[in-house]
Amino acid sequence: MSTPVFEKHIFVCTNQRTNSEKRSCGEQHGLELTAAFKKAIKDKNLNMPLRAQRAGCLGICDFGPTVAIYPEGTFYVNVQLSDVEEIVQKHVIENKVVERLLLPTEK
């Protein structure tokens, strides 16, 4: 198995549904989140292969703006600009999950 190119890869949903009653993460909010992740990463001057980028629909728009981080496959939902610093600090730097933003799982 090959080594991943990035130690952490952050995908931010920017899907915008038009003419649909279904909720979507929204291109504008997703692009703002993507820019905020890129800025936080740059500002922290992290010495690791890391990338934040926009993504298409991640399939869980009902939960609000969605961010997926790989290689763990962690999904954060209802992510707001105010959450970006915490996600970068805890998940990316400290390798700890931000529990309050996790995608709910059925038990």
N, C-alpha and C. Protein backbone atom coordinates (compact mmCIF):
# COMPACT_ATOMS: atom_id res chain seq x y z
N MET A 1 0.85 -1.18 0.00
CA MET A 1 0.00 0.00 0.00
C MET A 1 0.89 1.24 0.00
N SER A 2 0.55 2.21 -0.82
CA SER A 2 1.38 3.40 -0.93
C SER A 2 1.07 4.39 0.21
N THR A 3 2.02 5.25 0.47
CA THR A 3 1.87 6.27 1.49
C THR A 3 1.02 7.40 0.93
N PRO A 4 0.07 7.93 1.73
CA PRO A 4 -0.74 9.05 1.23
C PRO A 4 0.12 10.28 0.95
N VAL A 5 -0.30 11.07 -0.01
CA VAL A 5 0.42 12.28 -0.37
C VAL A 5 0.33 13.30 0.78
N PHE A 6 -0.83 13.35 1.43
CA PHE A 6 -1.06 14.29 2.51
C PHE A 6 -1.24 13.55 3.82
N GLU A 7 -0.67 14.09 4.89
CA GLU A 7 -0.86 13.51 6.21
C GLU A 7 -2.31 13.72 6.66
N LYS A 8 -2.86 14.88 6.33
CA LYS A 8 -4.26 15.19 6.57
C LYS A 8 -4.80 15.86 5.31
N HIS A 9 -5.99 15.46 4.92
CA HIS A 9 -6.64 16.03 3.73
C HIS A 9 -8.04 16.44 4.15
N ILE A 10 -8.32 17.73 4.09
CA ILE A 10 -9.59 18.29 4.55
C ILE A 10 -10.45 18.61 3.33
N PHE A 11 -11.63 18.01 3.30
CA PHE A 11 -12.58 18.26 2.22
C PHE A 11 -13.77 19.04 2.78
N VAL A 12 -14.11 20.16 2.15
CA VAL A 12 -15.21 21.00 2.59
C VAL A 12 -16.29 20.97 1.51
N CYS A 13 -17.48 20.55 1.87
CA CYS A 13 -18.58 20.50 0.90
C CYS A 13 -18.95 21.90 0.45
N THR A 14 -19.02 22.08 -0.86
CA THR A 14 -19.47 23.35 -1.43
C THR A 14 -20.68 23.14 -2.35
N ASN A 15 -21.34 22.00 -2.17
CA ASN A 15 -22.47 21.68 -3.04
C ASN A 15 -23.61 22.67 -2.85
N GLN A 16 -24.14 23.16 -3.96
CA GLN A 16 -25.27 24.07 -3.93
C GLN A 16 -26.39 23.48 -4.78
N ARG A 17 -27.46 23.09 -4.12
CA ARG A 17 -28.61 22.58 -4.87
C ARG A 17 -29.47 23.76 -5.30
N THR A 18 -29.86 23.75 -6.54
CA THR A 18 -30.79 24.77 -7.02
C THR A 18 -32.12 24.09 -7.30
N ASN A 19 -33.17 24.83 -7.10
CA ASN A 19 -34.52 24.32 -7.34
C ASN A 19 -34.77 23.01 -6.59
N SER A 20 -34.36 22.98 -5.35
CA SER A 20 -34.56 21.78 -4.54
C SER A 20 -34.99 22.18 -3.15
N GLU A 21 -35.88 21.38 -2.57
CA GLU A 21 -36.31 21.64 -1.20
C GLU A 21 -35.33 21.02 -0.21
N LYS A 22 -34.44 20.18 -0.70
CA LYS A 22 -33.45 19.56 0.18
C LYS A 22 -32.39 20.59 0.57
N ARG A 23 -31.94 20.49 1.78
CA ARG A 23 -30.89 21.37 2.29
C ARG A 23 -29.57 21.05 1.59
N SER A 24 -28.72 22.06 1.43
CA SER A 24 -27.39 21.82 0.91
C SER A 24 -26.39 22.62 1.72
N CYS A 25 -25.15 22.22 1.67
CA CYS A 25 -24.11 22.91 2.44
C CYS A 25 -23.91 24.33 1.94
N GLY A 26 -24.08 24.53 0.68
CA GLY A 26 -24.01 25.86 0.11
C GLY A 26 -22.64 26.24 -0.37
N GLU A 27 -22.59 26.65 -1.61
CA GLU A 27 -21.31 27.01 -2.21
C GLU A 27 -20.65 28.16 -1.47
N GLN A 28 -21.41 29.22 -1.19
CA GLN A 28 -20.81 30.38 -0.55
C GLN A 28 -20.25 30.02 0.82
N HIS A 29 -21.03 29.36 1.66
CA HIS A 29 -20.55 28.99 2.99
C HIS A 29 -19.37 28.02 2.89
N GLY A 30 -19.47 27.07 1.97
CA GLY A 30 -18.39 26.10 1.78
C GLY A 30 -17.09 26.76 1.33
N LEU A 31 -17.19 27.73 0.43
CA LEU A 31 -16.00 28.44 -0.04
C LEU A 31 -15.39 29.28 1.08
N GLU A 32 -16.25 29.87 1.92
CA GLU A 32 -15.75 30.63 3.07
C GLU A 32 -15.03 29.70 4.04
N LEU A 33 -15.60 28.52 4.28
CA LEU A 33 -14.96 27.55 5.17
C LEU A 33 -13.63 27.08 4.59
N THR A 34 -13.61 26.79 3.30
CA THR A 34 -12.37 26.35 2.66
C THR A 34 -11.28 27.40 2.83
N ALA A 35 -11.62 28.65 2.58
CA ALA A 35 -10.64 29.75 2.73
C ALA A 35 -10.19 29.86 4.18
N ALA A 36 -11.10 29.67 5.12
CA ALA A 36 -10.74 29.76 6.54
C ALA A 36 -9.79 28.63 6.94
N PHE A 37 -10.03 27.42 6.44
CA PHE A 37 -9.12 26.31 6.72
C PHE A 37 -7.74 26.58 6.14
N LYS A 38 -7.69 27.05 4.90
CA LYS A 38 -6.41 27.36 4.26
C LYS A 38 -5.65 28.42 5.04
N LYS A 39 -6.36 29.45 5.50
CA LYS A 39 -5.73 30.53 6.26
C LYS A 39 -5.22 30.00 7.60
N ALA A 40 -6.03 29.23 8.30
CA ALA A 40 -5.61 28.69 9.60
C ALA A 40 -4.37 27.82 9.46
N ILE A 41 -4.34 27.02 8.43
CA ILE A 41 -3.19 26.14 8.18
C ILE A 41 -1.94 26.98 7.89
N LYS A 42 -2.10 28.00 7.05
CA LYS A 42 -0.97 28.86 6.69
C LYS A 42 -0.48 29.63 7.92
N ASP A 43 -1.42 30.19 8.69
CA ASP A 43 -1.07 30.98 9.86
C ASP A 43 -0.31 30.17 10.91
N LYS A 44 -0.62 28.88 11.01
CA LYS A 44 0.04 28.02 11.99
C LYS A 44 1.38 27.49 11.48
N ASN A 45 1.66 27.73 10.20
CA ASN A 45 2.94 27.32 9.61
C ASN A 45 3.26 25.86 9.93
N LEU A 46 2.30 25.00 9.66
CA LEU A 46 2.44 23.58 10.00
C LEU A 46 3.44 22.90 9.08
N ASN A 47 4.32 22.15 9.66
CA ASN A 47 5.36 21.45 8.92
C ASN A 47 4.91 20.01 8.65
N MET A 48 3.89 19.89 7.84
CA MET A 48 3.36 18.57 7.48
C MET A 48 2.67 18.67 6.13
N PRO A 49 2.64 17.57 5.38
CA PRO A 49 1.90 17.59 4.11
C PRO A 49 0.39 17.61 4.41
N LEU A 50 -0.23 18.72 4.09
CA LEU A 50 -1.60 18.98 4.49
C LEU A 50 -2.30 19.76 3.39
N ARG A 51 -3.59 19.47 3.19
CA ARG A 51 -4.34 20.20 2.16
C ARG A 51 -5.78 20.37 2.60
N ALA A 52 -6.32 21.55 2.33
CA ALA A 52 -7.75 21.81 2.51
C ALA A 52 -8.29 22.21 1.15
N GLN A 53 -9.42 21.63 0.78
CA GLN A 53 -9.98 21.94 -0.54
C GLN A 53 -11.48 21.76 -0.53
N ARG A 54 -12.11 22.37 -1.50
CA ARG A 54 -13.55 22.22 -1.64
C ARG A 54 -13.87 20.87 -2.24
N ALA A 55 -15.07 20.40 -1.98
CA ALA A 55 -15.51 19.11 -2.50
C ALA A 55 -16.96 19.23 -2.94
N GLY A 56 -17.36 18.29 -3.75
CA GLY A 56 -18.76 18.20 -4.12
C GLY A 56 -19.56 17.63 -2.97
N CYS A 57 -20.77 17.25 -3.24
CA CYS A 57 -21.66 16.74 -2.19
C CYS A 57 -21.04 15.53 -1.48
N LEU A 58 -21.05 15.58 -0.17
CA LEU A 58 -20.55 14.47 0.65
C LEU A 58 -21.70 13.57 1.12
N GLY A 59 -22.93 13.90 0.68
CA GLY A 59 -24.07 13.02 0.90
C GLY A 59 -24.79 13.16 2.22
N ILE A 60 -24.44 14.15 3.03
CA ILE A 60 -25.09 14.30 4.33
C ILE A 60 -25.46 15.76 4.59
N CYS A 61 -25.93 16.43 3.57
CA CYS A 61 -26.24 17.86 3.65
C CYS A 61 -27.32 18.19 4.69
N ASP A 62 -28.16 17.23 5.04
CA ASP A 62 -29.21 17.49 6.03
C ASP A 62 -28.64 17.91 7.37
N PHE A 63 -27.37 17.63 7.60
CA PHE A 63 -26.74 17.96 8.88
C PHE A 63 -26.03 19.31 8.85
N GLY A 64 -26.13 20.04 7.76
CA GLY A 64 -25.48 21.34 7.68
C GLY A 64 -24.11 21.25 7.05
N PRO A 65 -23.40 22.36 6.98
CA PRO A 65 -22.11 22.39 6.33
C PRO A 65 -21.19 21.27 6.83
N THR A 66 -20.68 20.48 5.88
CA THR A 66 -19.94 19.26 6.20
C THR A 66 -18.48 19.36 5.81
N VAL A 67 -17.63 18.83 6.70
CA VAL A 67 -16.19 18.76 6.46
C VAL A 67 -15.77 17.32 6.73
N ALA A 68 -15.00 16.75 5.82
CA ALA A 68 -14.47 15.40 6.00
C ALA A 68 -12.95 15.48 6.05
N ILE A 69 -12.36 14.76 6.99
CA ILE A 69 -10.91 14.76 7.11
C ILE A 69 -10.39 13.34 6.96
N TYR A 70 -9.47 13.21 6.03
CA TYR A 70 -8.85 11.91 5.75
C TYR A 70 -7.38 11.99 6.07
N PRO A 71 -6.75 10.89 6.42
CA PRO A 71 -7.15 9.52 6.13
C PRO A 71 -8.10 8.90 7.14
N GLU A 72 -8.43 9.60 8.23
CA GLU A 72 -9.29 9.01 9.26
C GLU A 72 -10.72 8.78 8.78
N GLY A 73 -11.20 9.60 7.87
CA GLY A 73 -12.58 9.49 7.43
C GLY A 73 -13.54 10.08 8.45
N THR A 74 -13.10 11.11 9.15
CA THR A 74 -13.94 11.78 10.16
C THR A 74 -14.81 12.81 9.47
N PHE A 75 -16.10 12.79 9.79
CA PHE A 75 -17.05 13.74 9.23
C PHE A 75 -17.54 14.68 10.32
N TYR A 76 -17.33 15.97 10.09
CA TYR A 76 -17.84 17.00 10.99
C TYR A 76 -19.02 17.68 10.30
N VAL A 77 -20.06 17.97 11.06
CA VAL A 77 -21.28 18.55 10.48
C VAL A 77 -21.66 19.85 11.17
N ASN A 78 -22.47 20.62 10.47
CA ASN A 78 -22.91 21.94 10.90
C ASN A 78 -21.70 22.80 11.28
N VAL A 79 -20.65 22.70 10.49
CA VAL A 79 -19.41 23.42 10.75
C VAL A 79 -19.59 24.89 10.39
N GLN A 80 -19.18 25.75 11.31
CA GLN A 80 -19.25 27.19 11.12
C GLN A 80 -17.83 27.76 11.07
N LEU A 81 -17.70 28.98 10.60
CA LEU A 81 -16.38 29.61 10.54
C LEU A 81 -15.72 29.63 11.91
N SER A 82 -16.52 29.79 12.95
CA SER A 82 -15.98 29.84 14.31
C SER A 82 -15.42 28.50 14.77
N ASP A 83 -15.67 27.42 14.04
CA ASP A 83 -15.19 26.08 14.41
C ASP A 83 -13.85 25.73 13.77
N VAL A 84 -13.43 26.49 12.78
CA VAL A 84 -12.26 26.13 11.98
C VAL A 84 -10.99 26.04 12.83
N GLU A 85 -10.71 27.04 13.63
CA GLU A 85 -9.50 27.03 14.47
C GLU A 85 -9.46 25.82 15.39
N GLU A 86 -10.61 25.49 15.98
CA GLU A 86 -10.68 24.34 16.89
C GLU A 86 -10.40 23.04 16.14
N ILE A 87 -10.96 22.88 14.95
CA ILE A 87 -10.73 21.67 14.17
C ILE A 87 -9.26 21.54 13.79
N VAL A 88 -8.67 22.64 13.35
CA VAL A 88 -7.25 22.59 12.98
C VAL A 88 -6.40 22.27 14.19
N GLN A 89 -6.64 22.94 15.30
CA GLN A 89 -5.83 22.71 16.50
C GLN A 89 -6.00 21.29 17.03
N LYS A 90 -7.26 20.90 17.25
CA LYS A 90 -7.49 19.60 17.89
C LYS A 90 -7.28 18.43 16.94
N HIS A 91 -7.93 18.47 15.77
CA HIS A 91 -7.89 17.30 14.89
C HIS A 91 -6.57 17.22 14.11
N VAL A 92 -6.18 18.31 13.50
CA VAL A 92 -5.00 18.28 12.64
C VAL A 92 -3.71 18.23 13.46
N ILE A 93 -3.60 19.08 14.45
CA ILE A 93 -2.35 19.18 15.21
C ILE A 93 -2.28 18.14 16.33
N GLU A 94 -3.36 18.03 17.12
CA GLU A 94 -3.33 17.16 18.29
C GLU A 94 -3.86 15.74 18.03
N ASN A 95 -4.40 15.50 16.83
CA ASN A 95 -4.99 14.20 16.48
C ASN A 95 -6.09 13.77 17.44
N LYS A 96 -6.92 14.73 17.84
CA LYS A 96 -8.07 14.47 18.71
C LYS A 96 -9.33 14.87 17.96
N VAL A 97 -10.36 14.10 18.13
CA VAL A 97 -11.63 14.37 17.46
C VAL A 97 -12.37 15.48 18.20
N VAL A 98 -13.02 16.35 17.43
CA VAL A 98 -13.87 17.40 18.01
C VAL A 98 -15.27 16.78 18.14
N GLU A 99 -15.51 16.18 19.28
CA GLU A 99 -16.74 15.39 19.51
C GLU A 99 -18.03 16.14 19.19
N ARG A 100 -18.12 17.38 19.59
CA ARG A 100 -19.39 18.12 19.45
C ARG A 100 -19.78 18.34 17.98
N LEU A 101 -18.85 18.20 17.06
CA LEU A 101 -19.14 18.43 15.64
C LEU A 101 -19.25 17.13 14.83
N LEU A 102 -19.07 16.01 15.48
CA LEU A 102 -19.10 14.72 14.76
C LEU A 102 -20.47 14.43 14.16
N LEU A 103 -20.46 13.78 13.01
CA LEU A 103 -21.68 13.29 12.40
C LEU A 103 -22.33 12.31 13.37
N PRO A 104 -23.61 12.54 13.72
CA PRO A 104 -24.28 11.60 14.65
C PRO A 104 -24.37 10.21 14.03
N THR A 105 -24.21 9.21 14.86
CA THR A 105 -24.35 7.83 14.40
C THR A 105 -25.54 7.20 15.09
N GLU A 106 -26.23 6.35 14.37
CA GLU A 106 -27.37 5.62 14.94
C GLU A 106 -26.86 4.51 15.81
N LYS A 107 -27.50 4.32 16.93
CA LYS A 107 -27.07 3.25 17.85
C LYS A 107 -28.02 2.10 17.79
